[in-house]
Structure formats: C-alpha cells, structure tokens
C-alpha atoms as a PDB file:
ATOM      1  CA  MET A   1      13.912 109.326 107.043  1.00  0.00           C
ATOM      2  CA  GLN A   2      16.937 110.973 108.539  1.00  0.00           C
ATOM      3  CA  TYR A   3      19.547 109.069 110.459  1.00  0.00           C
ATOM      4  CA  PRO A   4      21.521 110.592 113.330  1.00  0.00           C
ATOM      5  CA  LEU A   5      25.015 111.827 112.341  1.00  0.00           C
ATOM      6  CA  PHE A   6      27.852 110.344 114.379  1.00  0.00           C
ATOM      7  CA  ILE A   7      31.148 112.239 114.464  1.00  0.00           C
ATOM      8  CA  GLU A   8      34.059 110.094 115.620  1.00  0.00           C
ATOM      9  CA  THR A   9      36.519 111.932 117.817  1.00  0.00           C
ATOM     10  CA  PHE A  10      39.932 110.844 119.074  1.00  0.00           C
ATOM     11  CA  THR A  11      41.410 111.313 122.480  1.00  0.00           C
ATOM     12  CA  ASP A  12      44.784 113.038 122.878  1.00  0.00           C
ATOM     13  CA  ILE A  13      46.445 109.665 123.479  1.00  0.00           C
ATOM     14  CA  GLN A  14      44.976 108.214 120.295  1.00  0.00           C
ATOM     15  CA  LEU A  15      46.061 111.222 118.256  1.00  0.00           C
ATOM     16  CA  ALA A  16      49.560 111.028 119.685  1.00  0.00           C
ATOM     17  CA  PHE A  17      49.685 107.314 118.840  1.00  0.00           C
ATOM     18  CA  ILE A  18      48.561 107.935 115.259  1.00  0.00           C
ATOM     19  CA  ILE A  19      51.231 110.622 114.774  1.00  0.00           C
ATOM     20  CA  ILE A  20      54.136 109.048 116.648  1.00  0.00           C
ATOM     21  CA  VAL A  21      53.941 105.445 115.368  1.00  0.00           C
ATOM     22  CA  PRO A  22      54.666 106.305 111.691  1.00  0.00           C
ATOM     23  CA  ILE A  23      57.512 108.576 112.773  1.00  0.00           C
ATOM     24  CA  VAL A  24      59.038 105.808 114.894  1.00  0.00           C
ATOM     25  CA  ILE A  25      58.697 103.312 112.019  1.00  0.00           C
ATOM     26  CA  LEU A  26      60.391 105.720 109.589  1.00  0.00           C
ATOM     27  CA  LEU A  27      63.130 106.348 112.150  1.00  0.00           C
ATOM     28  CA  PHE A  28      63.888 102.628 112.478  1.00  0.00           C
ATOM     29  CA  ILE A  29      63.889 102.227 108.701  1.00  0.00           C
ATOM     30  CA  GLY A  30      66.278 105.178 108.419  1.00  0.00           C
ATOM     31  CA  ILE A  31      68.617 103.709 111.047  1.00  0.00           C
ATOM     32  CA  GLY A  32      68.457 100.329 109.335  1.00  0.00           C
ATOM     33  CA  LEU A  33      69.432 101.844 105.998  1.00  0.00           C
ATOM     34  CA  TYR A  34      72.040 104.280 107.298  1.00  0.00           C
ATOM     35  CA  PHE A  35      74.685 101.756 108.324  1.00  0.00           C
ATOM     36  CA  PRO A  36      74.755  99.658 105.120  1.00  0.00           C
ATOM     37  CA  ILE A  37      74.623 102.792 102.959  1.00  0.00           C
ATOM     38  CA  SER A  38      77.365 104.456 105.017  1.00  0.00           C
ATOM     39  CA  HIS A  39      79.480 101.299 104.840  1.00  0.00           C
ATOM     40  CA  TYR A  40      78.990 101.026 101.077  1.00  0.00           C
ATOM     41  CA  TYR A  41      79.934 104.681 100.582  1.00  0.00           C
ATOM     42  CA  LYS A  42      83.085 104.374 102.684  1.00  0.00           C
ATOM     43  CA  ARG A  43      84.111 101.189 100.861  1.00  0.00           C
ATOM     44  CA  LYS A  44      83.608 102.735  97.428  1.00  0.00           C
ATOM     45  CA  ASN A  45      85.200 106.057  98.383  1.00  0.00           C
ATOM     46  CA  PHE A  46      87.749 104.929 100.960  1.00  0.00           C
ATOM     47  CA  GLN A  47      90.606 106.766  99.258  1.00  0.00           C
ATOM     48  CA  ILE A  48      88.769 110.086  99.625  1.00  0.00           C
ATOM     49  CA  HIS A  49      87.961 109.203 103.243  1.00  0.00           C
ATOM     50  CA  PHE A  50      91.631 108.401 103.921  1.00  0.00           C
ATOM     51  CA  TYR A  51      92.822 111.503 102.096  1.00  0.00           C
ATOM     52  CA  LYS A  52      90.815 113.713 104.452  1.00  0.00           C
ATOM     53  CA  LYS A  53      92.663 112.241 107.452  1.00  0.00           C
ATOM     54  CA  VAL A  54      96.076 112.625 105.805  1.00  0.00           C
ATOM     55  CA  TYR A  55      95.261 116.170 104.683  1.00  0.00           C
ATOM     56  CA  LYS A  56      94.056 117.165 108.167  1.00  0.00           C
ATOM     57  CA  THR A  57      97.282 115.843 109.689  1.00  0.00           C
ATOM     58  CA  ALA A  58      99.335 117.763 107.115  1.00  0.00           C
ATOM     59  CA  PHE A  59      97.299 120.915 107.740  1.00  0.00           C
ATOM     60  CA  ASP A  60      97.441 120.665 111.539  1.00  0.00           C
ATOM     61  CA  ARG A  61     101.196 120.080 111.589  1.00  0.00           C
ATOM     62  CA  ASP A  62     101.959 122.444 108.676  1.00  0.00           C
ATOM     63  CA  TYR A  63     103.510 119.687 106.553  1.00  0.00           C
ATOM     64  CA  TYR A  64     103.858 119.614 102.784  1.00  0.00           C
ATOM     65  CA  LEU A  65     101.744 116.964 101.043  1.00  0.00           C
ATOM     66  CA  ILE A  66     101.810 115.419  97.563  1.00  0.00           C
ATOM     67  CA  ASN A  67      98.906 113.184  96.505  1.00  0.00           C
ATOM     68  CA  GLN A  68      98.764 110.446  93.877  1.00  0.00           C
ATOM     69  CA  PHE A  69     102.460 110.566  93.140  1.00  0.00           C
ATOM     70  CA  VAL A  70     103.379 108.565  90.037  1.00  0.00           C
ATOM     71  CA  PHE A  71     107.029 107.793  89.344  1.00  0.00           C
ATOM     72  CA  LYS A  72     108.969 105.791  86.812  1.00  0.00           C
ATOM     73  CA  VAL A  73     110.235 102.439  88.039  1.00  0.00           C
ATOM     74  CA  ASP A  74     111.898 101.381  84.791  1.00  0.00           C
ATOM     75  CA  SER A  75     111.608 102.172  81.085  1.00  0.00           C
ATOM     76  CA  ASN A  76     108.223 100.448  80.756  1.00  0.00           C
ATOM     77  CA  LYS A  77     106.680 100.651  84.209  1.00  0.00           C
ATOM     78  CA  THR A  78     105.417 103.287  86.625  1.00  0.00           C
ATOM     79  CA  ALA A  79     104.244 103.028  90.239  1.00  0.00           C
ATOM     80  CA  MET A  80     101.914 105.178  92.288  1.00  0.00           C
ATOM     81  CA  VAL A  81     102.043 106.294  95.911  1.00  0.00           C
ATOM     82  CA  ASP A  82      98.740 107.600  97.291  1.00  0.00           C
ATOM     83  CA  HIS A  83     100.327 110.254  99.521  1.00  0.00           C
ATOM     84  CA  ILE A  84     103.782 111.569 100.359  1.00  0.00           C
ATOM     85  CA  LEU A  85     103.867 113.586 103.567  1.00  0.00           C
ATOM     86  CA  PHE A  86     106.937 115.672 104.401  1.00  0.00           C
ATOM     87  CA  GLY A  87     107.422 115.850 108.165  1.00  0.00           C
ATOM     88  CA  ASP A  88     110.024 117.665 110.204  1.00  0.00           C
ATOM     89  CA  LYS A  89     112.149 114.540 110.652  1.00  0.00           C
ATOM     90  CA  PHE A  90     110.889 112.001 108.096  1.00  0.00           C
ATOM     91  CA  ILE A  91     109.142 111.667 104.746  1.00  0.00           C
ATOM     92  CA  TYR A  92     106.101 109.388 104.850  1.00  0.00           C
ATOM     93  CA  VAL A  93     105.294 107.161 101.886  1.00  0.00           C
ATOM     94  CA  ILE A  94     101.621 106.245 102.289  1.00  0.00           C
ATOM     95  CA  ILE A  95      99.490 103.710 100.436  1.00  0.00           C
ATOM     96  CA  SER A  96      95.811 102.998 101.136  1.00  0.00           C
ATOM     97  CA  GLN A  97      94.084  99.616 101.366  1.00  0.00           C
ATOM     98  CA  TYR A  98      90.516  98.600 102.260  1.00  0.00           C
ATOM     99  CA  TYR A  99      89.718  95.211 103.793  1.00  0.00           C
ATOM    100  CA  GLU A 100      86.300  93.644 104.383  1.00  0.00           C
ATOM    101  CA  GLY A 101      87.660  91.755 107.383  1.00  0.00           C
ATOM    102  CA  ASP A 102      90.664  91.432 109.694  1.00  0.00           C
ATOM    103  CA  LEU A 103      94.388  90.756 109.190  1.00  0.00           C
ATOM    104  CA  ILE A 104      96.607  88.386 111.162  1.00  0.00           C
ATOM    105  CA  GLY A 105     100.261  87.478 110.768  1.00  0.00           C
ATOM    106  CA  LYS A 106     103.795  88.843 110.885  1.00  0.00           C
ATOM    107  CA  ALA A 107     105.184  91.866 109.076  1.00  0.00           C
ATOM    108  CA  THR A 108     107.872  89.653 107.525  1.00  0.00           C
ATOM    109  CA  ASP A 109     105.376  87.143 106.072  1.00  0.00           C
ATOM    110  CA  ALA A 110     104.802  87.062 102.315  1.00  0.00           C
ATOM    111  CA  SER A 111     101.058  86.694 102.969  1.00  0.00           C
ATOM    112  CA  LEU A 112      98.745  87.538 105.834  1.00  0.00           C
ATOM    113  CA  VAL A 113      95.745  85.605 107.092  1.00  0.00           C
ATOM    114  CA  PHE A 114      92.576  87.423 106.090  1.00  0.00           C
ATOM    115  CA  VAL A 115      89.480  86.729 108.201  1.00  0.00           C
ATOM    116  CA  SER A 116      86.264  87.985 106.629  1.00  0.00           C
ATOM    117  CA  HIS A 117      83.470  89.460 108.734  1.00  0.00           C
ATOM    118  CA  ARG A 118      81.718  86.103 108.366  1.00  0.00           C
ATOM    119  CA  GLY A 119      84.708  84.291 109.843  1.00  0.00           C
ATOM    120  CA  LYS A 120      86.042  82.756 106.629  1.00  0.00           C
ATOM    121  CA  LYS A 121      89.842  82.559 106.495  1.00  0.00           C
ATOM    122  CA  SER A 122      92.035  82.989 103.431  1.00  0.00           C
ATOM    123  CA  TYR A 123      95.413  84.432 102.478  1.00  0.00           C
ATOM    124  CA  THR A 124      96.132  87.867 101.054  1.00  0.00           C
ATOM    125  CA  ASP A 125      99.336  89.557  99.917  1.00  0.00           C
ATOM    126  CA  ASN A 126     101.137  91.348 102.717  1.00  0.00           C
ATOM    127  CA  PRO A 127     100.749  95.087 101.895  1.00  0.00           C
ATOM    128  CA  ILE A 128     103.812  95.898 104.011  1.00  0.00           C
ATOM    129  CA  ASN A 129     105.942  94.208 101.345  1.00  0.00           C
ATOM    130  CA  GLN A 130     104.373  96.465  98.718  1.00  0.00           C
ATOM    131  CA  SER A 131     105.197  99.438 100.940  1.00  0.00           C
ATOM    132  CA  LYS A 132     108.818  98.295 101.206  1.00  0.00           C
ATOM    133  CA  VAL A 133     109.153  97.899  97.444  1.00  0.00           C
ATOM    134  CA  LEU A 134     107.620 101.319  96.721  1.00  0.00           C
ATOM    135  CA  THR A 135     109.767 103.029  99.356  1.00  0.00           C
ATOM    136  CA  ASN A 136     112.977 101.448  98.078  1.00  0.00           C
ATOM    137  CA  LYS A 137     112.157 102.277  94.453  1.00  0.00           C
ATOM    138  CA  LEU A 138     111.247 105.834  95.410  1.00  0.00           C
ATOM    139  CA  SER A 139     114.597 106.191  97.167  1.00  0.00           C
ATOM    140  CA  SER A 140     116.436 104.889  94.102  1.00  0.00           C
ATOM    141  CA  SER A 141     114.383 107.012  91.695  1.00  0.00           C
ATOM    142  CA  THR A 142     114.805 110.300  93.559  1.00  0.00           C
ATOM    143  CA  GLY A 143     118.155 109.794  95.268  1.00  0.00           C
ATOM    144  CA  LEU A 144     116.598 110.349  98.697  1.00  0.00           C
ATOM    145  CA  ASN A 145     118.252 108.649 101.645  1.00  0.00           C
ATOM    146  CA  ALA A 146     116.183 105.537 102.455  1.00  0.00           C
ATOM    147  CA  SER A 147     116.590 106.200 106.191  1.00  0.00           C
ATOM    148  CA  LEU A 148     114.441 109.340 105.793  1.00  0.00           C
ATOM    149  CA  LEU A 149     111.517 107.380 104.350  1.00  0.00           C
ATOM    150  CA  ILE A 150     108.795 105.815 106.493  1.00  0.00           C
ATOM    151  CA  GLY A 151     106.402 103.415 104.748  1.00  0.00           C
ATOM    152  CA  ILE A 152     102.806 103.381 105.970  1.00  0.00           C
ATOM    153  CA  VAL A 153      99.922 101.183 104.856  1.00  0.00           C
ATOM    154  CA  LEU A 154      96.726 102.985 105.829  1.00  0.00           C
ATOM    155  CA  ILE A 155      93.673 100.730 106.290  1.00  0.00           C
ATOM    156  CA  ASN A 156      90.018 101.167 107.260  1.00  0.00           C
ATOM    157  CA  ASP A 157      89.071 101.532 110.920  1.00  0.00           C
ATOM    158  CA  ASP A 158      86.848  98.432 111.066  1.00  0.00           C
ATOM    159  CA  CYS A 159      89.715  96.178 109.980  1.00  0.00           C
ATOM    160  CA  LYS A 160      91.329  94.706 113.088  1.00  0.00           C
ATOM    161  CA  VAL A 161      95.069  94.304 112.693  1.00  0.00           C
ATOM    162  CA  GLN A 162      97.050  91.642 114.518  1.00  0.00           C
ATOM    163  CA  VAL A 163     100.269  91.894 112.567  1.00  0.00           C
ATOM    164  CA  GLN A 164     103.405  91.431 114.644  1.00  0.00           C
ATOM    165  CA  SER A 165     106.184  93.825 113.747  1.00  0.00           C
ATOM    166  CA  GLU A 166     109.400  95.117 115.237  1.00  0.00           C
ATOM    167  CA  SER A 167     110.069  97.524 112.398  1.00  0.00           C
ATOM    168  CA  LYS A 168     110.435 101.232 113.083  1.00  0.00           C
ATOM    169  CA  GLN A 169     110.271 102.071 109.391  1.00  0.00           C
ATOM    170  CA  PHE A 170     107.237 100.197 108.023  1.00  0.00           C
ATOM    171  CA  TYR A 171     103.743 100.224 109.490  1.00  0.00           C
ATOM    172  CA  ILE A 172     100.216  99.009 108.817  1.00  0.00           C
ATOM    173  CA  ILE A 173      97.707 101.058 110.762  1.00  0.00           C
ATOM    174  CA  GLN A 174      94.055 102.029 110.919  1.00  0.00           C
ATOM    175  CA  ARG A 175      93.002 105.412 109.589  1.00  0.00           C
ATOM    176  CA  LYS A 176      91.933 106.666 113.025  1.00  0.00           C
ATOM    177  CA  ARG A 177      95.438 106.021 114.426  1.00  0.00           C
ATOM    178  CA  PHE A 178      97.316 107.784 111.629  1.00  0.00           C
ATOM    179  CA  ALA A 179      97.732 111.185 113.322  1.00  0.00           C
ATOM    180  CA  SER A 180      98.933 109.539 116.557  1.00  0.00           C
ATOM    181  CA  LEU A 181     101.493 107.472 114.648  1.00  0.00           C
ATOM    182  CA  ILE A 182     102.913 110.543 112.902  1.00  0.00           C
ATOM    183  CA  LYS A 183     103.121 112.360 116.216  1.00  0.00           C
ATOM    184  CA  ALA A 184     104.946 109.422 117.840  1.00  0.00           C
ATOM    185  CA  ILE A 185     107.451 109.052 114.997  1.00  0.00           C
ATOM    186  CA  GLU A 186     108.130 112.780 114.833  1.00  0.00           C
ATOM    187  CA  SER A 187     108.842 112.781 118.584  1.00  0.00           C
ATOM    188  CA  ARG A 188     111.872 110.521 118.148  1.00  0.00           C
ATOM    189  CA  LYS A 189     115.041 112.052 119.504  1.00  0.00           C
ATOM    190  CA  ILE A 190     116.811 112.733 116.242  1.00  0.00           C
ATOM    191  CA  GLY A 191     117.588 115.896 114.338  1.00  0.00           C
ATOM    192  CA  THR A 192     115.117 117.496 111.985  1.00  0.00           C
ATOM    193  CA  ILE A 193     115.525 117.704 108.230  1.00  0.00           C
ATOM    194  CA  ASN A 194     117.081 121.113 107.609  1.00  0.00           C
ATOM    195  CA  GLU A 195     115.253 123.544 105.337  1.00  0.00           C
ATOM    196  CA  PRO A 196     117.570 123.248 102.311  1.00  0.00           C
ATOM    197  CA  GLN A 197     117.509 119.445 102.570  1.00  0.00           C
ATOM    198  CA  LEU A 198     113.698 119.390 102.874  1.00  0.00           C
ATOM    199  CA  ALA A 199     113.274 121.808  99.954  1.00  0.00           C
ATOM    200  CA  LYS A 200     115.592 119.650  97.852  1.00  0.00           C
ATOM    201  CA  ALA A 201     113.582 116.542  98.777  1.00  0.00           C
ATOM    202  CA  VAL A 202     110.286 118.209  97.827  1.00  0.00           C
ATOM    203  CA  GLN A 203     111.712 119.449  94.531  1.00  0.00           C
ATOM    204  CA  SER A 204     113.229 116.063  93.762  1.00  0.00           C
ATOM    205  CA  ILE A 205     109.944 114.245  94.312  1.00  0.00           C
ATOM    206  CA  ALA A 206     107.862 116.894  92.539  1.00  0.00           C
ATOM    207  CA  LYS A 207     110.225 116.712  89.554  1.00  0.00           C
ATOM    208  CA  ALA A 208     109.895 112.930  89.414  1.00  0.00           C
ATOM    209  CA  ASN A 209     106.092 113.062  89.496  1.00  0.00           C
ATOM    210  CA  LYS A 210     104.804 111.723  86.160  1.00  0.00           C
ATOM    211  CA  ARG A 211     101.101 112.090  86.976  1.00  0.00           C
ATOM    212  CA  LYS A 212     100.574 115.499  85.382  1.00  0.00           C
ATOM    213  CA  LYS A 213     103.045 114.876  82.602  1.00  0.00           C
ATOM    214  CA  GLN A 214     101.278 111.848  81.134  1.00  0.00           C
END
C-alpha cells in the first residue's frame, strides 16, 4: 500500500524568519562580547593604546619623541618615564596610568579618592606627586631647566577626573584630551626653545637613557 507523499513548503516570510533570527541572535551575542573583550584588551594593553595617541601628536606637530626613557636616580636606583615629548616651547614628561574607576581630590593631596565603577570608595596614591618627583629628578639628572619641563599623567578615557589644580606645570588628563592639552600649552605667549638649545636637550636626555645600555 502506498501512502501519499507530502512535501512541506515554506512561505517567503517563514524562510526570511528562519534565516534572519539566527543572524540577529549571533549579532546580539557579538555585541555582548565586544565591549568586555575590548575593555579587557585596552586595560591589558593601555600603554600601547596611550603610545599611539602620543605618537600621533608628535607626528602631527613634528615633535621629537623618546619612549620608555630610563635614567639613573642614584647609584642603586633607576626610574622610567613612559614618554618624553619635545615641543617647540616645552618638554613634556609623560607617565601612563590606568584606573578602573574615577578620581576625586586636589592636586596637592598625598592621596586621591578612588571611586570604583561599582561605587566603592578607597584611597590611591596621587600620581601627580610621582610626576613631580620624576620631573625634578630628570631635571637634576640631565641639567635641564625645570621650567622647561611639563609633567603629564595620562589616564584612560573612561576614568572621570575631578582633581582640582591651579598648576600650569603638572597635569592629570584623559588620553582623548592629550592633543588638545599640548596645543593649549604650546600656544602660551612665551618664546620657543631655540634649535641649539633643543638639540642640546635631546642629546642630553638621549645620553642619559639607560634603557638600551642595560
């Protein structure tokens, strides 16, 4: 006995539904994974991420740049500066920090209030003080005039900064605002570093760099 053969067919709407739904689900999964993965990558590789911004600023403004500068503080100790950027009017001593939260306080405080993304408050060392120490030691080590040196603490963009400061020499600023800060400082109405003086500064710092010598 033969039974009739039924062939199931789908309408255009049903076919579209079958095709589109899995794509939409995969899209949402991809979006859901992108942000934590991107955040993790930036946190683990923040120095590379920051370097790209500093390098672009140096390239756009035709400034000389030294990265990972290591210099001798005393007979038994060395210190490292992430970037030294030679501008037309100033030399920028840049260190990088990554915070999983926000910073509140005053530039003159020994510690800043750190507020995590979950709202938990604690204290953390004020990185501006580290910038001041490095800048002063760099001036002493190389003989560069301290007034030529600008200390910058470069932090991640998702860290909100509410640090009160009246200083025109030391800054803590988000990565995305770095280029604007350099532009503003370089627009100050003072004379530029003359070519021989700038060349001497570059040579002095390059000579003091212990990174490749160790």
